């Protein structure tokens, strides 16, 4: 592995750990499992979707997503309904309690990120956002090409 590749892998691992730590901190403050929080945030951003879209978005196996969704349904944060276009499928959507949880998680993330990036300029933050998106797109494009072969 080249030095540049090793440095990039190390940086990505550090970013991944930092992201997990941040999500775990917010989940602890909300007293909710980190995995469930990811599903709530996904449903909030995408609206009503089927389980397969949740598992694809979060890059987890459908059985893992199904268990996590079931816990959210049991807790009253997510509702399963019969899909109008495909009666065999179930659509997932947030309940009012799920919307409140998503809003509260937004507040915690805003507070956390505001603290973490308090001394960054708006331009530096915009540059970081652009670079992270570019890195994610580059990695995802290779993953997508490999799955279509």
C-alpha atoms as a PDB file:
ATOM      1  CA  UNK A   1       0.000   0.000   0.000  1.00  0.00           C
ATOM      2  CA  UNK A   2       1.372   3.425  -0.920  1.00  0.00           C
ATOM      3  CA  UNK A   3       1.965   6.057   1.745  1.00  0.00           C
ATOM      4  CA  UNK A   4      -0.877   8.189   0.374  1.00  0.00           C
ATOM      5  CA  UNK A   5      -3.283   5.237   0.412  1.00  0.00           C
ATOM      6  CA  UNK A   6      -2.264   4.300   3.954  1.00  0.00           C
ATOM      7  CA  UNK A   7      -2.700   7.899   5.112  1.00  0.00           C
ATOM      8  CA  UNK A   8      -6.145   8.107   3.468  1.00  0.00           C
ATOM      9  CA  UNK A   9      -7.260   4.832   5.042  1.00  0.00           C
ATOM     10  CA  UNK A  10      -6.054   6.070   8.440  1.00  0.00           C
ATOM     11  CA  UNK A  11      -7.865   9.378   8.028  1.00  0.00           C
ATOM     12  CA  UNK A  12     -11.078   7.610   6.988  1.00  0.00           C
ATOM     13  CA  UNK A  13     -10.829   5.283   9.985  1.00  0.00           C
ATOM     14  CA  UNK A  14     -10.387   8.290  12.271  1.00  0.00           C
ATOM     15  CA  UNK A  15     -13.390  10.027  10.707  1.00  0.00           C
ATOM     16  CA  UNK A  16     -15.477   6.865  11.044  1.00  0.00           C
ATOM     17  CA  UNK A  17     -14.571   6.533  14.738  1.00  0.00           C
ATOM     18  CA  UNK A  18     -15.320  10.204  15.343  1.00  0.00           C
ATOM     19  CA  UNK A  19     -18.691   9.882  13.601  1.00  0.00           C
ATOM     20  CA  UNK A  20     -19.593   6.802  15.671  1.00  0.00           C
ATOM     21  CA  UNK A  21     -18.510   8.566  18.855  1.00  0.00           C
ATOM     22  CA  UNK A  22     -20.613  11.640  18.001  1.00  0.00           C
ATOM     23  CA  UNK A  23     -23.664   9.526  17.125  1.00  0.00           C
ATOM     24  CA  UNK A  24     -23.211   7.464  20.301  1.00  0.00           C
ATOM     25  CA  UNK A  25     -23.015  10.638  22.395  1.00  0.00           C
ATOM     26  CA  UNK A  26     -26.228  11.999  20.882  1.00  0.00           C
ATOM     27  CA  UNK A  27     -27.967   8.623  21.238  1.00  0.00           C
ATOM     28  CA  UNK A  28     -26.936   8.447  24.924  1.00  0.00           C
ATOM     29  CA  UNK A  29     -28.272  11.942  25.531  1.00  0.00           C
ATOM     30  CA  UNK A  30     -31.544  10.909  23.901  1.00  0.00           C
ATOM     31  CA  UNK A  31     -31.483   7.578  25.772  1.00  0.00           C
ATOM     32  CA  UNK A  32     -31.910   5.686  22.517  1.00  0.00           C
ATOM     33  CA  UNK A  33     -29.726   3.129  20.668  1.00  0.00           C
ATOM     34  CA  UNK A  34     -27.496   4.649  17.980  1.00  0.00           C
ATOM     35  CA  UNK A  35     -28.829   2.219  15.351  1.00  0.00           C
ATOM     36  CA  UNK A  36     -32.414   3.286  15.944  1.00  0.00           C
ATOM     37  CA  UNK A  37     -31.419   6.911  15.681  1.00  0.00           C
ATOM     38  CA  UNK A  38     -30.010   6.281  12.202  1.00  0.00           C
ATOM     39  CA  UNK A  39     -33.319   4.821  11.064  1.00  0.00           C
ATOM     40  CA  UNK A  40     -35.319   7.705  12.540  1.00  0.00           C
ATOM     41  CA  UNK A  41     -33.064  10.221  10.786  1.00  0.00           C
ATOM     42  CA  UNK A  42     -33.306   8.262   7.513  1.00  0.00           C
ATOM     43  CA  UNK A  43     -37.107   8.194   7.625  1.00  0.00           C
ATOM     44  CA  UNK A  44     -37.169  11.881   8.466  1.00  0.00           C
ATOM     45  CA  UNK A  45     -35.036  12.799   5.480  1.00  0.00           C
ATOM     46  CA  UNK A  46     -36.599  10.377   2.990  1.00  0.00           C
ATOM     47  CA  UNK A  47     -40.198  10.197   4.154  1.00  0.00           C
ATOM     48  CA  UNK A  48     -42.196   6.968   3.906  1.00  0.00           C
ATOM     49  CA  UNK A  49     -40.058   4.165   2.432  1.00  0.00           C
ATOM     50  CA  UNK A  50     -39.858   0.405   2.334  1.00  0.00           C
ATOM     51  CA  UNK A  51     -37.473  -1.586   4.533  1.00  0.00           C
ATOM     52  CA  UNK A  52     -35.140  -2.349   1.615  1.00  0.00           C
ATOM     53  CA  UNK A  53     -34.471   1.381   1.151  1.00  0.00           C
ATOM     54  CA  UNK A  54     -33.649   1.774   4.843  1.00  0.00           C
ATOM     55  CA  UNK A  55     -31.197  -1.143   4.725  1.00  0.00           C
ATOM     56  CA  UNK A  56     -29.598   0.181   1.508  1.00  0.00           C
ATOM     57  CA  UNK A  57     -29.270   3.710   2.888  1.00  0.00           C
ATOM     58  CA  UNK A  58     -27.698   2.526   6.139  1.00  0.00           C
ATOM     59  CA  UNK A  59     -25.675  -0.187   4.373  1.00  0.00           C
ATOM     60  CA  UNK A  60     -26.903  -2.942   6.691  1.00  0.00           C
ATOM     61  CA  UNK A  61     -28.439  -6.329   6.019  1.00  0.00           C
ATOM     62  CA  UNK A  62     -32.248  -6.348   5.699  1.00  0.00           C
ATOM     63  CA  UNK A  63     -32.533  -8.633   8.751  1.00  0.00           C
ATOM     64  CA  UNK A  64     -30.569  -6.122  10.850  1.00  0.00           C
ATOM     65  CA  UNK A  65     -32.715  -3.226   9.619  1.00  0.00           C
ATOM     66  CA  UNK A  66     -35.870  -5.268  10.261  1.00  0.00           C
ATOM     67  CA  UNK A  67     -34.914  -5.912  13.917  1.00  0.00           C
ATOM     68  CA  UNK A  68     -34.069  -2.259  14.453  1.00  0.00           C
ATOM     69  CA  UNK A  69     -37.321  -1.128  12.796  1.00  0.00           C
ATOM     70  CA  UNK A  70     -39.321  -3.579  14.914  1.00  0.00           C
ATOM     71  CA  UNK A  71     -37.856  -2.038  18.072  1.00  0.00           C
ATOM     72  CA  UNK A  72     -38.844   1.419  16.810  1.00  0.00           C
ATOM     73  CA  UNK A  73     -42.357   0.203  15.953  1.00  0.00           C
ATOM     74  CA  UNK A  74     -42.719  -1.361  19.413  1.00  0.00           C
ATOM     75  CA  UNK A  75     -41.543   1.901  21.016  1.00  0.00           C
ATOM     76  CA  UNK A  76     -44.055   3.917  18.991  1.00  0.00           C
ATOM     77  CA  UNK A  77     -41.577   5.878  16.847  1.00  0.00           C
ATOM     78  CA  UNK A  78     -42.257   4.169  13.502  1.00  0.00           C
ATOM     79  CA  UNK A  79     -45.435   2.944  11.845  1.00  0.00           C
ATOM     80  CA  UNK A  80     -45.657   0.115   9.286  1.00  0.00           C
ATOM     81  CA  UNK A  81     -48.416   0.364   6.703  1.00  0.00           C
ATOM     82  CA  UNK A  82     -49.351  -1.625   3.623  1.00  0.00           C
ATOM     83  CA  UNK A  83     -47.809  -0.050   0.535  1.00  0.00           C
ATOM     84  CA  UNK A  84     -50.545   1.248  -1.767  1.00  0.00           C
ATOM     85  CA  UNK A  85     -48.611   0.369  -4.942  1.00  0.00           C
ATOM     86  CA  UNK A  86     -47.464  -3.100  -3.818  1.00  0.00           C
ATOM     87  CA  UNK A  87     -49.836  -4.714  -1.317  1.00  0.00           C
ATOM     88  CA  UNK A  88     -47.162  -7.309  -0.427  1.00  0.00           C
ATOM     89  CA  UNK A  89     -44.759  -4.615   0.771  1.00  0.00           C
ATOM     90  CA  UNK A  90     -44.805  -2.562   3.963  1.00  0.00           C
ATOM     91  CA  UNK A  91     -44.027   1.127   4.091  1.00  0.00           C
ATOM     92  CA  UNK A  92     -42.274   2.645   7.084  1.00  0.00           C
ATOM     93  CA  UNK A  93     -42.907   6.153   8.321  1.00  0.00           C
ATOM     94  CA  UNK A  94     -42.347   8.153  11.464  1.00  0.00           C
ATOM     95  CA  UNK A  95     -45.122   8.607  13.994  1.00  0.00           C
ATOM     96  CA  UNK A  96     -45.549  11.920  15.801  1.00  0.00           C
ATOM     97  CA  UNK A  97     -43.280  10.573  18.556  1.00  0.00           C
ATOM     98  CA  UNK A  98     -40.714   9.632  15.899  1.00  0.00           C
ATOM     99  CA  UNK A  99     -40.871  13.141  14.441  1.00  0.00           C
ATOM    100  CA  UNK A 100     -40.265  14.574  17.919  1.00  0.00           C
ATOM    101  CA  UNK A 101     -37.303  12.228  18.411  1.00  0.00           C
ATOM    102  CA  UNK A 102     -35.862  13.297  15.044  1.00  0.00           C
ATOM    103  CA  UNK A 103     -36.295  16.973  15.924  1.00  0.00           C
ATOM    104  CA  UNK A 104     -34.659  16.433  19.298  1.00  0.00           C
ATOM    105  CA  UNK A 105     -31.754  14.565  17.666  1.00  0.00           C
ATOM    106  CA  UNK A 106     -31.308  17.509  15.261  1.00  0.00           C
ATOM    107  CA  UNK A 107     -30.992  19.820  18.249  1.00  0.00           C
ATOM    108  CA  UNK A 108     -28.406  17.582  19.913  1.00  0.00           C
ATOM    109  CA  UNK A 109     -26.412  17.248  16.681  1.00  0.00           C
ATOM    110  CA  UNK A 110     -26.574  21.029  16.125  1.00  0.00           C
ATOM    111  CA  UNK A 111     -25.309  21.668  19.651  1.00  0.00           C
ATOM    112  CA  UNK A 112     -22.569  19.043  19.380  1.00  0.00           C
ATOM    113  CA  UNK A 113     -21.355  20.184  15.970  1.00  0.00           C
ATOM    114  CA  UNK A 114     -21.597  23.821  16.978  1.00  0.00           C
ATOM    115  CA  UNK A 115     -19.229  23.048  19.835  1.00  0.00           C
ATOM    116  CA  UNK A 116     -16.907  20.873  17.730  1.00  0.00           C
ATOM    117  CA  UNK A 117     -16.559  23.428  14.926  1.00  0.00           C
ATOM    118  CA  UNK A 118     -16.918  26.643  16.923  1.00  0.00           C
ATOM    119  CA  UNK A 119     -13.522  27.952  15.844  1.00  0.00           C
ATOM    120  CA  UNK A 120     -13.887  27.038  12.160  1.00  0.00           C
ATOM    121  CA  UNK A 121     -14.709  29.740   9.632  1.00  0.00           C
ATOM    122  CA  UNK A 122     -17.740  29.290   7.380  1.00  0.00           C
ATOM    123  CA  UNK A 123     -15.393  28.906   4.392  1.00  0.00           C
ATOM    124  CA  UNK A 124     -13.310  26.227   6.123  1.00  0.00           C
ATOM    125  CA  UNK A 125     -16.458  24.330   7.039  1.00  0.00           C
ATOM    126  CA  UNK A 126     -17.795  24.609   3.461  1.00  0.00           C
ATOM    127  CA  UNK A 127     -14.457  23.310   2.128  1.00  0.00           C
ATOM    128  CA  UNK A 128     -14.511  20.366   4.558  1.00  0.00           C
ATOM    129  CA  UNK A 129     -18.095  19.505   3.582  1.00  0.00           C
ATOM    130  CA  UNK A 130     -17.195  19.549  -0.107  1.00  0.00           C
ATOM    131  CA  UNK A 131     -14.133  17.351   0.425  1.00  0.00           C
ATOM    132  CA  UNK A 132     -15.984  14.822   2.564  1.00  0.00           C
ATOM    133  CA  UNK A 133     -18.732  14.592  -0.071  1.00  0.00           C
ATOM    134  CA  UNK A 134     -16.105  14.125  -2.789  1.00  0.00           C
ATOM    135  CA  UNK A 135     -14.403  11.341  -0.838  1.00  0.00           C
ATOM    136  CA  UNK A 136     -17.743   9.625  -0.154  1.00  0.00           C
ATOM    137  CA  UNK A 137     -18.753   9.894  -3.820  1.00  0.00           C
ATOM    138  CA  UNK A 138     -15.420   8.461  -5.004  1.00  0.00           C
ATOM    139  CA  UNK A 139     -15.645   5.494  -2.645  1.00  0.00           C
ATOM    140  CA  UNK A 140     -19.328   4.905  -3.406  1.00  0.00           C
ATOM    141  CA  UNK A 141     -18.728   4.967  -7.149  1.00  0.00           C
ATOM    142  CA  UNK A 142     -16.230   2.102  -6.869  1.00  0.00           C
ATOM    143  CA  UNK A 143     -18.620   0.167  -4.605  1.00  0.00           C
ATOM    144  CA  UNK A 144     -21.503   0.694  -7.048  1.00  0.00           C
ATOM    145  CA  UNK A 145     -19.407  -0.379 -10.044  1.00  0.00           C
ATOM    146  CA  UNK A 146     -18.336  -3.553  -8.218  1.00  0.00           C
ATOM    147  CA  UNK A 147     -21.920  -4.508  -7.330  1.00  0.00           C
ATOM    148  CA  UNK A 148     -23.047  -4.085 -10.947  1.00  0.00           C
ATOM    149  CA  UNK A 149     -20.370  -6.400 -12.400  1.00  0.00           C
END
